[in-house]
Amino acid sequence: ILNGISSAKVVVPILLLSAILVAFAPEEFVGIA
């Protein structure tokens, strides 16, 4: 909000990072997360 950044520029990288972490995290933690 303070820097006028669009939501897409924030959400997409977070989703990509989440996908990467899912590949390395124990399976039981994926559902819990």
All heavy atoms as atom14 arrays in JSON, in Angstrom:
{
  "sequence": "ILNGISSAKVVVPILLLSAILVAFAPEEFVGIA",
  "atom14_mask": [
    [1, 1, 1, 1, 1, 1, 1, 1, 0, 0, 0, 0, 0, 0],
    [1, 1, 1, 1, 1, 1, 1, 1, 0, 0, 0, 0, 0, 0],
    [1, 1, 1, 1, 1, 1, 1, 1, 0, 0, 0, 0, 0, 0],
    [1, 1, 1, 1, 0, 0, 0, 0, 0, 0, 0, 0, 0, 0],
    [1, 1, 1, 1, 1, 1, 1, 1, 0, 0, 0, 0, 0, 0],
    [1, 1, 1, 1, 1, 1, 0, 0, 0, 0, 0, 0, 0, 0],
    [1, 1, 1, 1, 1, 1, 0, 0, 0, 0, 0, 0, 0, 0],
    [1, 1, 1, 1, 1, 0, 0, 0, 0, 0, 0, 0, 0, 0],
    [1, 1, 1, 1, 1, 1, 1, 1, 1, 0, 0, 0, 0, 0],
    [1, 1, 1, 1, 1, 1, 1, 0, 0, 0, 0, 0, 0, 0],
    [1, 1, 1, 1, 1, 1, 1, 0, 0, 0, 0, 0, 0, 0],
    [1, 1, 1, 1, 1, 1, 1, 0, 0, 0, 0, 0, 0, 0],
    [1, 1, 1, 1, 1, 1, 1, 0, 0, 0, 0, 0, 0, 0],
    [1, 1, 1, 1, 1, 1, 1, 1, 0, 0, 0, 0, 0, 0],
    [1, 1, 1, 1, 1, 1, 1, 1, 0, 0, 0, 0, 0, 0],
    [1, 1, 1, 1, 1, 1, 1, 1, 0, 0, 0, 0, 0, 0],
    [1, 1, 1, 1, 1, 1, 1, 1, 0, 0, 0, 0, 0, 0],
    [1, 1, 1, 1, 1, 1, 0, 0, 0, 0, 0, 0, 0, 0],
    [1, 1, 1, 1, 1, 0, 0, 0, 0, 0, 0, 0, 0, 0],
    [1, 1, 1, 1, 1, 1, 1, 1, 0, 0, 0, 0, 0, 0],
    [1, 1, 1, 1, 1, 1, 1, 1, 0, 0, 0, 0, 0, 0],
    [1, 1, 1, 1, 1, 1, 1, 0, 0, 0, 0, 0, 0, 0],
    [1, 1, 1, 1, 1, 0, 0, 0, 0, 0, 0, 0, 0, 0],
    [1, 1, 1, 1, 1, 1, 1, 1, 1, 1, 1, 0, 0, 0],
    [1, 1, 1, 1, 1, 0, 0, 0, 0, 0, 0, 0, 0, 0],
    [1, 1, 1, 1, 1, 1, 1, 0, 0, 0, 0, 0, 0, 0],
    [1, 1, 1, 1, 1, 1, 1, 1, 1, 0, 0, 0, 0, 0],
    [1, 1, 1, 1, 1, 1, 1, 1, 1, 0, 0, 0, 0, 0],
    [1, 1, 1, 1, 1, 1, 1, 1, 1, 1, 1, 0, 0, 0],
    [1, 1, 1, 1, 1, 1, 1, 0, 0, 0, 0, 0, 0, 0],
    [1, 1, 1, 1, 0, 0, 0, 0, 0, 0, 0, 0, 0, 0],
    [1, 1, 1, 1, 1, 1, 1, 1, 0, 0, 0, 0, 0, 0],
    [1, 1, 1, 1, 1, 0, 0, 0, 0, 0, 0, 0, 0, 0]
  ],
  "atom14_positions": [
    [[0.83, -1.21, 0.0], [0.0, 0.0, 0.0], [0.86, 1.26, 0.0], [0.62, 2.2, -0.76], [-0.94, 0.0, 1.23], [-1.96, -1.15, 1.11], [-1.67, 1.33, 1.35], [-2.8, -1.34, 2.34], [0.0, 0.0, 0.0], [0.0, 0.0, 0.0], [0.0, 0.0, 0.0], [0.0, 0.0, 0.0], [0.0, 0.0, 0.0], [0.0, 0.0, 0.0]],
    [[1.88, 1.28, 0.84], [2.72, 2.47, 0.97], [3.48, 2.78, -0.31], [3.78, 3.95, -0.6], [3.72, 2.29, 2.12], [3.12, 2.27, 3.53], [4.17, 1.86, 4.56], [2.53, 3.63, 3.89], [0.0, 0.0, 0.0], [0.0, 0.0, 0.0], [0.0, 0.0, 0.0], [0.0, 0.0, 0.0], [0.0, 0.0, 0.0], [0.0, 0.0, 0.0]],
    [[3.79, 1.75, -1.1], [4.61, 1.95, -2.29], [3.82, 1.78, -3.59], [4.41, 1.8, -4.67], [5.79, 0.98, -2.29], [6.77, 1.27, -1.16], [7.62, 2.15, -1.26], [6.62, 0.54, -0.06], [0.0, 0.0, 0.0], [0.0, 0.0, 0.0], [0.0, 0.0, 0.0], [0.0, 0.0, 0.0], [0.0, 0.0, 0.0], [0.0, 0.0, 0.0]],
    [[2.51, 1.61, -3.48], [1.67, 1.52, -4.67], [1.98, 0.33, -5.55], [1.87, 0.41, -6.78], [0.0, 0.0, 0.0], [0.0, 0.0, 0.0], [0.0, 0.0, 0.0], [0.0, 0.0, 0.0], [0.0, 0.0, 0.0], [0.0, 0.0, 0.0], [0.0, 0.0, 0.0], [0.0, 0.0, 0.0], [0.0, 0.0, 0.0], [0.0, 0.0, 0.0]],
    [[2.34, -0.79, -4.96], [2.67, -2.0, -5.72], [1.39, -2.79, -5.98], [0.57, -2.96, -5.07], [3.69, -2.87, -4.95], [4.95, -2.06, -4.66], [4.02, -4.13, -5.72], [5.94, -2.77, -3.76], [0.0, 0.0, 0.0], [0.0, 0.0, 0.0], [0.0, 0.0, 0.0], [0.0, 0.0, 0.0], [0.0, 0.0, 0.0], [0.0, 0.0, 0.0]],
    [[1.24, -3.3, -7.17], [0.05, -4.08, -7.5], [0.07, -5.42, -6.78], [1.14, -5.97, -6.47], [-0.04, -4.32, -9.01], [1.01, -5.15, -9.45], [0.0, 0.0, 0.0], [0.0, 0.0, 0.0], [0.0, 0.0, 0.0], [0.0, 0.0, 0.0], [0.0, 0.0, 0.0], [0.0, 0.0, 0.0], [0.0, 0.0, 0.0], [0.0, 0.0, 0.0]],
    [[-1.11, -5.95, -6.51], [-1.21, -7.21, -5.78], [-0.55, -8.36, -6.53], [0.06, -9.24, -5.92], [-2.69, -7.54, -5.52], [-3.29, -6.56, -4.68], [0.0, 0.0, 0.0], [0.0, 0.0, 0.0], [0.0, 0.0, 0.0], [0.0, 0.0, 0.0], [0.0, 0.0, 0.0], [0.0, 0.0, 0.0], [0.0, 0.0, 0.0], [0.0, 0.0, 0.0]],
    [[-0.67, -8.36, -7.86], [-0.1, -9.46, -8.65], [1.4, -9.56, -8.47], [1.96, -10.66, -8.4], [-0.45, -9.27, -10.12], [0.0, 0.0, 0.0], [0.0, 0.0, 0.0], [0.0, 0.0, 0.0], [0.0, 0.0, 0.0], [0.0, 0.0, 0.0], [0.0, 0.0, 0.0], [0.0, 0.0, 0.0], [0.0, 0.0, 0.0], [0.0, 0.0, 0.0]],
    [[2.08, -8.42, -8.39], [3.53, -8.42, -8.24], [3.97, -8.95, -6.88], [5.14, -9.29, -6.7], [4.07, -7.01, -8.46], [3.92, -6.51, -9.89], [4.5, -5.12, -10.05], [4.36, -4.62, -11.48], [4.91, -3.25, -11.67], [0.0, 0.0, 0.0], [0.0, 0.0, 0.0], [0.0, 0.0, 0.0], [0.0, 0.0, 0.0], [0.0, 0.0, 0.0]],
    [[3.04, -9.0, -5.94], [3.36, -9.51, -4.61], [2.91, -10.95, -4.45], [3.65, -11.8, -3.93], [2.69, -8.63, -3.53], [2.93, -9.21, -2.14], [3.23, -7.2, -3.59], [0.0, 0.0, 0.0], [0.0, 0.0, 0.0], [0.0, 0.0, 0.0], [0.0, 0.0, 0.0], [0.0, 0.0, 0.0], [0.0, 0.0, 0.0], [0.0, 0.0, 0.0]],
    [[1.71, -11.24, -4.91], [1.12, -12.56, -4.7], [1.83, -13.64, -5.51], [2.12, -14.73, -4.99], [-0.38, -12.54, -5.04], [-0.96, -13.95, -5.0], [-1.13, -11.62, -4.08], [0.0, 0.0, 0.0], [0.0, 0.0, 0.0], [0.0, 0.0, 0.0], [0.0, 0.0, 0.0], [0.0, 0.0, 0.0], [0.0, 0.0, 0.0], [0.0, 0.0, 0.0]],
    [[2.12, -13.36, -6.77], [2.73, -14.38, -7.64], [4.06, -14.88, -7.09], [4.29, -16.1, -7.0], [2.88, -13.85, -9.08], [3.7, -14.83, -9.93], [1.51, -13.62, -9.71], [0.0, 0.0, 0.0], [0.0, 0.0, 0.0], [0.0, 0.0, 0.0], [0.0, 0.0, 0.0], [0.0, 0.0, 0.0], [0.0, 0.0, 0.0], [0.0, 0.0, 0.0]],
    [[5.0, -14.0, -6.69], [6.25, -14.5, -6.11], [6.04, -15.33, -4.84], [6.76, -16.32, -4.61], [7.05, -13.23, -5.81], [6.5, -12.21, -6.75], [5.04, -12.53, -6.86], [0.0, 0.0, 0.0], [0.0, 0.0, 0.0], [0.0, 0.0, 0.0], [0.0, 0.0, 0.0], [0.0, 0.0, 0.0], [0.0, 0.0, 0.0], [0.0, 0.0, 0.0]],
    [[5.06, -14.93, -4.0], [4.8, -15.69, -2.78], [4.29, -17.09, -3.12], [4.69, -18.08, -2.5], [3.78, -14.94, -1.89], [4.39, -13.64, -1.37], [3.34, -15.82, -0.72], [3.45, -12.81, -0.54], [0.0, 0.0, 0.0], [0.0, 0.0, 0.0], [0.0, 0.0, 0.0], [0.0, 0.0, 0.0], [0.0, 0.0, 0.0], [0.0, 0.0, 0.0]],
    [[3.41, -17.17, -4.11], [2.9, -18.48, -4.52], [4.01, -19.36, -5.08], [4.07, -20.57, -4.81], [1.79, -18.3, -5.56], [0.49, -17.66, -5.04], [-0.49, -17.46, -6.19], [-0.14, -18.53, -3.95], [0.0, 0.0, 0.0], [0.0, 0.0, 0.0], [0.0, 0.0, 0.0], [0.0, 0.0, 0.0], [0.0, 0.0, 0.0], [0.0, 0.0, 0.0]],
    [[4.91, -18.76, -5.86], [6.03, -19.52, -6.4], [6.95, -20.01, -5.28], [7.4, -21.16, -5.3], [6.82, -18.66, -7.39], [6.1, -18.31, -8.71], [6.95, -17.35, -9.54], [5.8, -19.58, -9.5], [0.0, 0.0, 0.0], [0.0, 0.0, 0.0], [0.0, 0.0, 0.0], [0.0, 0.0, 0.0], [0.0, 0.0, 0.0], [0.0, 0.0, 0.0]],
    [[7.21, -19.15, -4.31], [8.03, -19.53, -3.17], [7.36, -20.65, -2.37], [8.02, -21.59, -1.91], [8.3, -18.32, -2.28], [9.15, -18.57, -1.02], [10.51, -19.15, -1.38], [9.31, -17.27, -0.22], [0.0, 0.0, 0.0], [0.0, 0.0, 0.0], [0.0, 0.0, 0.0], [0.0, 0.0, 0.0], [0.0, 0.0, 0.0], [0.0, 0.0, 0.0]],
    [[6.03, -20.55, -2.23], [5.28, -21.6, -1.53], [5.44, -22.94, -2.23], [5.62, -23.97, -1.59], [3.8, -21.22, -1.43], [3.62, -20.02, -0.71], [0.0, 0.0, 0.0], [0.0, 0.0, 0.0], [0.0, 0.0, 0.0], [0.0, 0.0, 0.0], [0.0, 0.0, 0.0], [0.0, 0.0, 0.0], [0.0, 0.0, 0.0], [0.0, 0.0, 0.0]],
    [[5.34, -22.91, -3.57], [5.48, -24.15, -4.34], [6.86, -24.78, -4.15], [6.99, -26.0, -4.05], [5.22, -23.87, -5.82], [0.0, 0.0, 0.0], [0.0, 0.0, 0.0], [0.0, 0.0, 0.0], [0.0, 0.0, 0.0], [0.0, 0.0, 0.0], [0.0, 0.0, 0.0], [0.0, 0.0, 0.0], [0.0, 0.0, 0.0], [0.0, 0.0, 0.0]],
    [[7.87, -23.93, -4.09], [9.23, -24.43, -3.88], [9.37, -25.05, -2.49], [9.94, -26.14, -2.32], [10.26, -23.29, -4.06], [10.25, -22.81, -5.52], [11.65, -23.75, -3.66], [11.08, -21.57, -5.76], [0.0, 0.0, 0.0], [0.0, 0.0, 0.0], [0.0, 0.0, 0.0], [0.0, 0.0, 0.0], [0.0, 0.0, 0.0], [0.0, 0.0, 0.0]],
    [[8.82, -24.37, -1.48], [8.92, -24.88, -0.11], [8.14, -26.19, 0.05], [8.55, -27.07, 0.81], [8.39, -23.83, 0.88], [9.24, -22.56, 1.02], [8.56, -21.56, 1.94], [10.63, -22.9, 1.54], [0.0, 0.0, 0.0], [0.0, 0.0, 0.0], [0.0, 0.0, 0.0], [0.0, 0.0, 0.0], [0.0, 0.0, 0.0], [0.0, 0.0, 0.0]],
    [[7.01, -26.3, -0.65], [6.22, -27.53, -0.59], [7.05, -28.73, -1.03], [6.93, -29.84, -0.49], [4.94, -27.41, -1.45], [4.31, -28.78, -1.7], [3.93, -26.49, -0.78], [0.0, 0.0, 0.0], [0.0, 0.0, 0.0], [0.0, 0.0, 0.0], [0.0, 0.0, 0.0], [0.0, 0.0, 0.0], [0.0, 0.0, 0.0], [0.0, 0.0, 0.0]],
    [[7.91, -28.51, -2.01], [8.73, -29.61, -2.54], [9.76, -30.1, -1.52], [10.19, -31.25, -1.59], [9.44, -29.15, -3.81], [0.0, 0.0, 0.0], [0.0, 0.0, 0.0], [0.0, 0.0, 0.0], [0.0, 0.0, 0.0], [0.0, 0.0, 0.0], [0.0, 0.0, 0.0], [0.0, 0.0, 0.0], [0.0, 0.0, 0.0], [0.0, 0.0, 0.0]],
    [[10.12, -29.24, -0.57], [11.17, -29.61, 0.39], [10.63, -29.92, 1.79], [11.3, -30.56, 2.58], [12.2, -28.48, 0.5], [13.03, -28.29, -0.74], [12.68, -27.35, -1.69], [14.15, -29.08, -0.97], [13.43, -27.17, -2.84], [14.91, -28.91, -2.11], [14.55, -27.97, -3.06], [0.0, 0.0, 0.0], [0.0, 0.0, 0.0], [0.0, 0.0, 0.0]],
    [[9.42, -29.46, 2.08], [8.86, -29.65, 3.42], [8.31, -31.06, 3.59], [7.87, -31.69, 2.62], [7.75, -28.63, 3.67], [0.0, 0.0, 0.0], [0.0, 0.0, 0.0], [0.0, 0.0, 0.0], [0.0, 0.0, 0.0], [0.0, 0.0, 0.0], [0.0, 0.0, 0.0], [0.0, 0.0, 0.0], [0.0, 0.0, 0.0], [0.0, 0.0, 0.0]],
    [[8.33, -31.61, 4.8], [7.71, -32.91, 5.06], [6.23, -32.87, 4.69], [5.57, -31.85, 4.87], [7.9, -33.09, 6.58], [9.08, -32.25, 6.92], [9.0, -31.07, 6.0], [0.0, 0.0, 0.0], [0.0, 0.0, 0.0], [0.0, 0.0, 0.0], [0.0, 0.0, 0.0], [0.0, 0.0, 0.0], [0.0, 0.0, 0.0], [0.0, 0.0, 0.0]],
    [[5.73, -33.97, 4.18], [4.37, -34.0, 3.65], [3.32, -33.61, 4.68], [2.34, -32.94, 4.36], [4.06, -35.39, 3.11], [2.72, -35.48, 2.39], [2.5, -36.83, 1.76], [3.45, -37.65, 1.75], [1.39, -37.07, 1.26], [0.0, 0.0, 0.0], [0.0, 0.0, 0.0], [0.0, 0.0, 0.0], [0.0, 0.0, 0.0], [0.0, 0.0, 0.0]],
    [[3.53, -34.02, 5.93], [2.52, -33.72, 6.95], [2.41, -32.23, 7.22], [1.35, -31.73, 7.61], [2.83, -34.46, 8.26], [4.15, -34.1, 8.92], [5.3, -34.99, 8.45], [5.17, -35.6, 7.37], [6.31, -35.06, 9.17], [0.0, 0.0, 0.0], [0.0, 0.0, 0.0], [0.0, 0.0, 0.0], [0.0, 0.0, 0.0], [0.0, 0.0, 0.0]],
    [[3.49, -31.49, 7.01], [3.46, -30.06, 7.26], [2.77, -29.29, 6.14], [2.34, -28.15, 6.34], [4.89, -29.51, 7.45], [5.39, -29.65, 8.85], [6.06, -30.79, 9.25], [5.19, -28.64, 9.78], [6.53, -30.93, 10.55], [5.66, -28.75, 11.07], [6.33, -29.92, 11.47], [0.0, 0.0, 0.0], [0.0, 0.0, 0.0], [0.0, 0.0, 0.0]],
    [[2.66, -29.88, 4.96], [2.01, -29.2, 3.84], [0.54, -28.99, 4.14], [0.0, -27.88, 4.02], [2.19, -30.0, 2.53], [1.42, -29.32, 1.4], [3.67, -30.11, 2.18], [0.0, 0.0, 0.0], [0.0, 0.0, 0.0], [0.0, 0.0, 0.0], [0.0, 0.0, 0.0], [0.0, 0.0, 0.0], [0.0, 0.0, 0.0], [0.0, 0.0, 0.0]],
    [[-0.14, -30.06, 4.54], [-1.55, -29.94, 4.89], [-1.77, -29.02, 6.07], [-2.7, -28.21, 6.09], [0.0, 0.0, 0.0], [0.0, 0.0, 0.0], [0.0, 0.0, 0.0], [0.0, 0.0, 0.0], [0.0, 0.0, 0.0], [0.0, 0.0, 0.0], [0.0, 0.0, 0.0], [0.0, 0.0, 0.0], [0.0, 0.0, 0.0], [0.0, 0.0, 0.0]],
    [[-0.91, -29.14, 7.08], [-1.03, -28.29, 8.27], [-0.87, -26.82, 7.89], [-1.59, -25.95, 8.39], [0.02, -28.7, 9.32], [-0.28, -30.1, 9.86], [0.06, -27.69, 10.47], [0.8, -30.66, 10.76], [0.0, 0.0, 0.0], [0.0, 0.0, 0.0], [0.0, 0.0, 0.0], [0.0, 0.0, 0.0], [0.0, 0.0, 0.0], [0.0, 0.0, 0.0]],
    [[0.08, -26.52, 7.0], [0.34, -25.14, 6.61], [-0.89, -24.5, 5.98], [-1.27, -23.37, 6.33], [1.52, -25.09, 5.63], [0.0, 0.0, 0.0], [0.0, 0.0, 0.0], [0.0, 0.0, 0.0], [0.0, 0.0, 0.0], [0.0, 0.0, 0.0], [0.0, 0.0, 0.0], [0.0, 0.0, 0.0], [0.0, 0.0, 0.0], [0.0, 0.0, 0.0]]
  ]
}
